[in-house]
Amino acid sequence: MVQLDALRGKWVLLYFFPKAGTTGCTTQACAVRDLDTLTDLRVFGASPDHPDSLEVFRQAFRLGFSLLSDPALELARRYRVVDGILTARIERTTFLIDPAGVVARVARRVDPERQAEQIQRWLEQR
């Protein structure tokens, strides 16, 4: 279990993705992984996938950060990243949360190909 309160005092990057192992989600995760400016951030990816699937994905692509399983979409609903009424889908969204626990930046409908440059700009501006 990860609680934002326990991360106070640290910058947090939290990104949501729909399904581990798909092309877009792999591109997005690897873009985050390859950023060399993440040393002072706690990074978390979140999806509705089962924890075992997320661990296989994390290991297969050597992701050096935690992946959070949110099968009931509780976290996704809290961050308002659930799209669709009848069929709930995760909207690919990234949050930068400051050390006080306040959302400093939000990127909605993230383009996996441009994820890294967007995060890089945010980090340069903080």
C-alpha atoms as a PDB file:
ATOM      1  CA  MET A   1       0.000   0.000   0.000  1.00  0.00           C
ATOM      2  CA  VAL A   2       1.255   3.446  -0.920  1.00  0.00           C
ATOM      3  CA  GLN A   3      -0.095   6.508   0.843  1.00  0.00           C
ATOM      4  CA  LEU A   4       0.586  10.014  -0.387  1.00  0.00           C
ATOM      5  CA  ASP A   5       0.846  11.271   3.210  1.00  0.00           C
ATOM      6  CA  ALA A   6       3.874   9.027   3.727  1.00  0.00           C
ATOM      7  CA  LEU A   7       5.588  10.738   0.772  1.00  0.00           C
ATOM      8  CA  ARG A   8       5.356  14.267   2.171  1.00  0.00           C
ATOM      9  CA  GLY A   9       8.616  16.127   1.744  1.00  0.00           C
ATOM     10  CA  LYS A  10       9.298  14.478  -1.620  1.00  0.00           C
ATOM     11  CA  TRP A  11       8.301  15.297  -5.176  1.00  0.00           C
ATOM     12  CA  VAL A  12       6.084  12.560  -6.626  1.00  0.00           C
ATOM     13  CA  LEU A  13       5.385  11.701 -10.240  1.00  0.00           C
ATOM     14  CA  LEU A  14       2.209   9.646 -10.593  1.00  0.00           C
ATOM     15  CA  TYR A  15       1.071   8.518 -13.998  1.00  0.00           C
ATOM     16  CA  PHE A  16      -1.939   6.447 -15.010  1.00  0.00           C
ATOM     17  CA  PHE A  17      -1.967   4.026 -17.917  1.00  0.00           C
ATOM     18  CA  PRO A  18      -4.699   1.724 -19.233  1.00  0.00           C
ATOM     19  CA  LYS A  19      -2.995  -1.676 -19.729  1.00  0.00           C
ATOM     20  CA  ALA A  20       0.493  -2.996 -19.097  1.00  0.00           C
ATOM     21  CA  GLY A  21       2.240  -4.518 -22.080  1.00  0.00           C
ATOM     22  CA  THR A  22       0.367  -2.588 -24.765  1.00  0.00           C
ATOM     23  CA  THR A  23       2.362  -0.496 -27.204  1.00  0.00           C
ATOM     24  CA  GLY A  24       1.360   2.906 -25.834  1.00  0.00           C
ATOM     25  CA  CYS A  25       1.780   1.895 -22.200  1.00  0.00           C
ATOM     26  CA  THR A  26       5.185   0.355 -22.864  1.00  0.00           C
ATOM     27  CA  THR A  27       6.308   3.492 -24.710  1.00  0.00           C
ATOM     28  CA  GLN A  28       5.058   5.653 -21.844  1.00  0.00           C
ATOM     29  CA  ALA A  29       6.698   3.548 -19.115  1.00  0.00           C
ATOM     30  CA  CYS A  30      10.033   3.378 -20.936  1.00  0.00           C
ATOM     31  CA  ALA A  31       9.978   7.140 -21.536  1.00  0.00           C
ATOM     32  CA  VAL A  32       9.584   7.705 -17.799  1.00  0.00           C
ATOM     33  CA  ARG A  33      12.242   5.078 -17.048  1.00  0.00           C
ATOM     34  CA  ASP A  34      14.758   6.743 -19.372  1.00  0.00           C
ATOM     35  CA  LEU A  35      14.537  10.209 -17.826  1.00  0.00           C
ATOM     36  CA  ASP A  36      17.805  10.861 -16.035  1.00  0.00           C
ATOM     37  CA  THR A  37      16.353  13.711 -13.958  1.00  0.00           C
ATOM     38  CA  LEU A  38      14.159  11.507 -11.792  1.00  0.00           C
ATOM     39  CA  THR A  39      16.686  11.008  -9.020  1.00  0.00           C
ATOM     40  CA  ASP A  40      14.897  13.287  -6.554  1.00  0.00           C
ATOM     41  CA  LEU A  41      11.396  12.027  -7.408  1.00  0.00           C
ATOM     42  CA  ARG A  42       9.314   9.119  -6.217  1.00  0.00           C
ATOM     43  CA  VAL A  43       7.737   7.678  -9.356  1.00  0.00           C
ATOM     44  CA  PHE A  44       4.610   5.538  -9.550  1.00  0.00           C
ATOM     45  CA  GLY A  45       2.657   4.184 -12.495  1.00  0.00           C
ATOM     46  CA  ALA A  46      -0.931   3.060 -11.867  1.00  0.00           C
ATOM     47  CA  SER A  47      -3.277   0.847 -13.884  1.00  0.00           C
ATOM     48  CA  PRO A  48      -6.155  -1.569 -13.326  1.00  0.00           C
ATOM     49  CA  ASP A  49      -3.884  -4.555 -14.056  1.00  0.00           C
ATOM     50  CA  HIS A  50      -3.344  -7.361 -11.525  1.00  0.00           C
ATOM     51  CA  PRO A  51      -0.208  -6.950  -9.359  1.00  0.00           C
ATOM     52  CA  ASP A  52       1.388 -10.061 -10.909  1.00  0.00           C
ATOM     53  CA  SER A  53       0.947  -8.666 -14.435  1.00  0.00           C
ATOM     54  CA  LEU A  54       2.416  -5.357 -13.341  1.00  0.00           C
ATOM     55  CA  GLU A  55       5.433  -7.054 -11.808  1.00  0.00           C
ATOM     56  CA  VAL A  56       6.092  -9.024 -15.014  1.00  0.00           C
ATOM     57  CA  PHE A  57       5.801  -5.767 -16.998  1.00  0.00           C
ATOM     58  CA  ARG A  58       8.073  -3.911 -14.546  1.00  0.00           C
ATOM     59  CA  GLN A  59      10.753  -6.587 -14.735  1.00  0.00           C
ATOM     60  CA  ALA A  60      10.510  -7.107 -18.504  1.00  0.00           C
ATOM     61  CA  PHE A  61      11.219  -3.430 -19.171  1.00  0.00           C
ATOM     62  CA  ARG A  62      13.521  -2.866 -16.181  1.00  0.00           C
ATOM     63  CA  LEU A  63      11.349  -0.164 -14.713  1.00  0.00           C
ATOM     64  CA  GLY A  64      13.080   1.233 -11.643  1.00  0.00           C
ATOM     65  CA  PHE A  65       9.880   2.506 -10.063  1.00  0.00           C
ATOM     66  CA  SER A  66       6.734   1.028  -8.531  1.00  0.00           C
ATOM     67  CA  LEU A  67       3.607   0.111 -10.447  1.00  0.00           C
ATOM     68  CA  LEU A  68       0.355   0.333  -8.504  1.00  0.00           C
ATOM     69  CA  SER A  69      -2.534  -2.048  -9.111  1.00  0.00           C
ATOM     70  CA  ASP A  70      -5.924  -0.309  -9.068  1.00  0.00           C
ATOM     71  CA  PRO A  71      -8.419  -2.962 -10.265  1.00  0.00           C
ATOM     72  CA  ALA A  72     -11.447  -1.296  -8.645  1.00  0.00           C
ATOM     73  CA  LEU A  73     -10.337   2.073 -10.084  1.00  0.00           C
ATOM     74  CA  GLU A  74     -10.465   3.674  -6.625  1.00  0.00           C
ATOM     75  CA  LEU A  75      -7.275   5.671  -7.139  1.00  0.00           C
ATOM     76  CA  ALA A  76      -8.197   6.481 -10.732  1.00  0.00           C
ATOM     77  CA  ARG A  77     -11.580   7.840  -9.633  1.00  0.00           C
ATOM     78  CA  ARG A  78      -9.969   9.881  -6.869  1.00  0.00           C
ATOM     79  CA  TYR A  79      -7.695  11.511  -9.431  1.00  0.00           C
ATOM     80  CA  ARG A  80     -10.565  11.760 -11.943  1.00  0.00           C
ATOM     81  CA  VAL A  81      -8.854   9.825 -14.713  1.00  0.00           C
ATOM     82  CA  VAL A  82     -11.679   7.387 -15.471  1.00  0.00           C
ATOM     83  CA  ASP A  83     -13.151   8.035 -18.909  1.00  0.00           C
ATOM     84  CA  GLY A  84     -16.434   6.568 -20.087  1.00  0.00           C
ATOM     85  CA  ILE A  85     -19.757   5.990 -18.409  1.00  0.00           C
ATOM     86  CA  LEU A  86     -20.729   2.427 -19.269  1.00  0.00           C
ATOM     87  CA  THR A  87     -17.232   1.104 -19.854  1.00  0.00           C
ATOM     88  CA  ALA A  88     -14.662   2.608 -17.512  1.00  0.00           C
ATOM     89  CA  ARG A  89     -11.354   3.319 -19.200  1.00  0.00           C
ATOM     90  CA  ILE A  90      -8.268   4.909 -17.747  1.00  0.00           C
ATOM     91  CA  GLU A  91      -7.373   8.238 -19.293  1.00  0.00           C
ATOM     92  CA  ARG A  92      -3.608   8.374 -19.750  1.00  0.00           C
ATOM     93  CA  THR A  93      -2.753  11.147 -17.268  1.00  0.00           C
ATOM     94  CA  THR A  94       0.366  12.303 -15.424  1.00  0.00           C
ATOM     95  CA  PHE A  95       0.563  14.261 -12.167  1.00  0.00           C
ATOM     96  CA  LEU A  96       3.518  16.016 -10.570  1.00  0.00           C
ATOM     97  CA  ILE A  97       2.869  16.361  -6.839  1.00  0.00           C
ATOM     98  CA  ASP A  98       4.932  18.758  -4.749  1.00  0.00           C
ATOM     99  CA  PRO A  99       6.508  17.986  -1.341  1.00  0.00           C
ATOM    100  CA  ALA A 100       3.448  19.413   0.451  1.00  0.00           C
ATOM    101  CA  GLY A 101       1.235  16.838  -1.303  1.00  0.00           C
ATOM    102  CA  VAL A 102      -0.343  19.376  -3.664  1.00  0.00           C
ATOM    103  CA  VAL A 103      -0.767  18.617  -7.368  1.00  0.00           C
ATOM    104  CA  ALA A 104       1.629  21.028  -9.074  1.00  0.00           C
ATOM    105  CA  ARG A 105       1.109  19.919 -12.700  1.00  0.00           C
ATOM    106  CA  VAL A 106      -1.344  17.744 -14.625  1.00  0.00           C
ATOM    107  CA  ALA A 107      -1.135  16.416 -18.169  1.00  0.00           C
ATOM    108  CA  ARG A 108      -4.311  14.784 -19.467  1.00  0.00           C
ATOM    109  CA  ARG A 109      -4.606  12.520 -22.499  1.00  0.00           C
ATOM    110  CA  VAL A 110      -0.853  12.141 -22.563  1.00  0.00           C
ATOM    111  CA  ASP A 111       0.836  11.241 -25.828  1.00  0.00           C
ATOM    112  CA  PRO A 112       3.195   8.374 -24.870  1.00  0.00           C
ATOM    113  CA  GLU A 113       5.736   9.573 -27.447  1.00  0.00           C
ATOM    114  CA  ARG A 114       5.918  13.029 -25.830  1.00  0.00           C
ATOM    115  CA  GLN A 115       5.674  11.983 -22.179  1.00  0.00           C
ATOM    116  CA  ALA A 116       9.380  12.359 -21.399  1.00  0.00           C
ATOM    117  CA  GLU A 117       9.785  15.855 -22.837  1.00  0.00           C
ATOM    118  CA  GLN A 118       6.704  17.066 -20.983  1.00  0.00           C
ATOM    119  CA  ILE A 119       7.975  15.739 -17.647  1.00  0.00           C
ATOM    120  CA  GLN A 120      11.422  17.187 -18.381  1.00  0.00           C
ATOM    121  CA  ARG A 121       9.893  20.662 -18.891  1.00  0.00           C
ATOM    122  CA  TRP A 122       7.986  20.367 -15.617  1.00  0.00           C
ATOM    123  CA  LEU A 123      11.110  19.401 -13.697  1.00  0.00           C
ATOM    124  CA  GLU A 124      13.073  22.307 -15.157  1.00  0.00           C
ATOM    125  CA  GLN A 125      10.310  24.717 -14.080  1.00  0.00           C
ATOM    126  CA  ARG A 126       9.869  23.653 -10.471  1.00  0.00           C
END
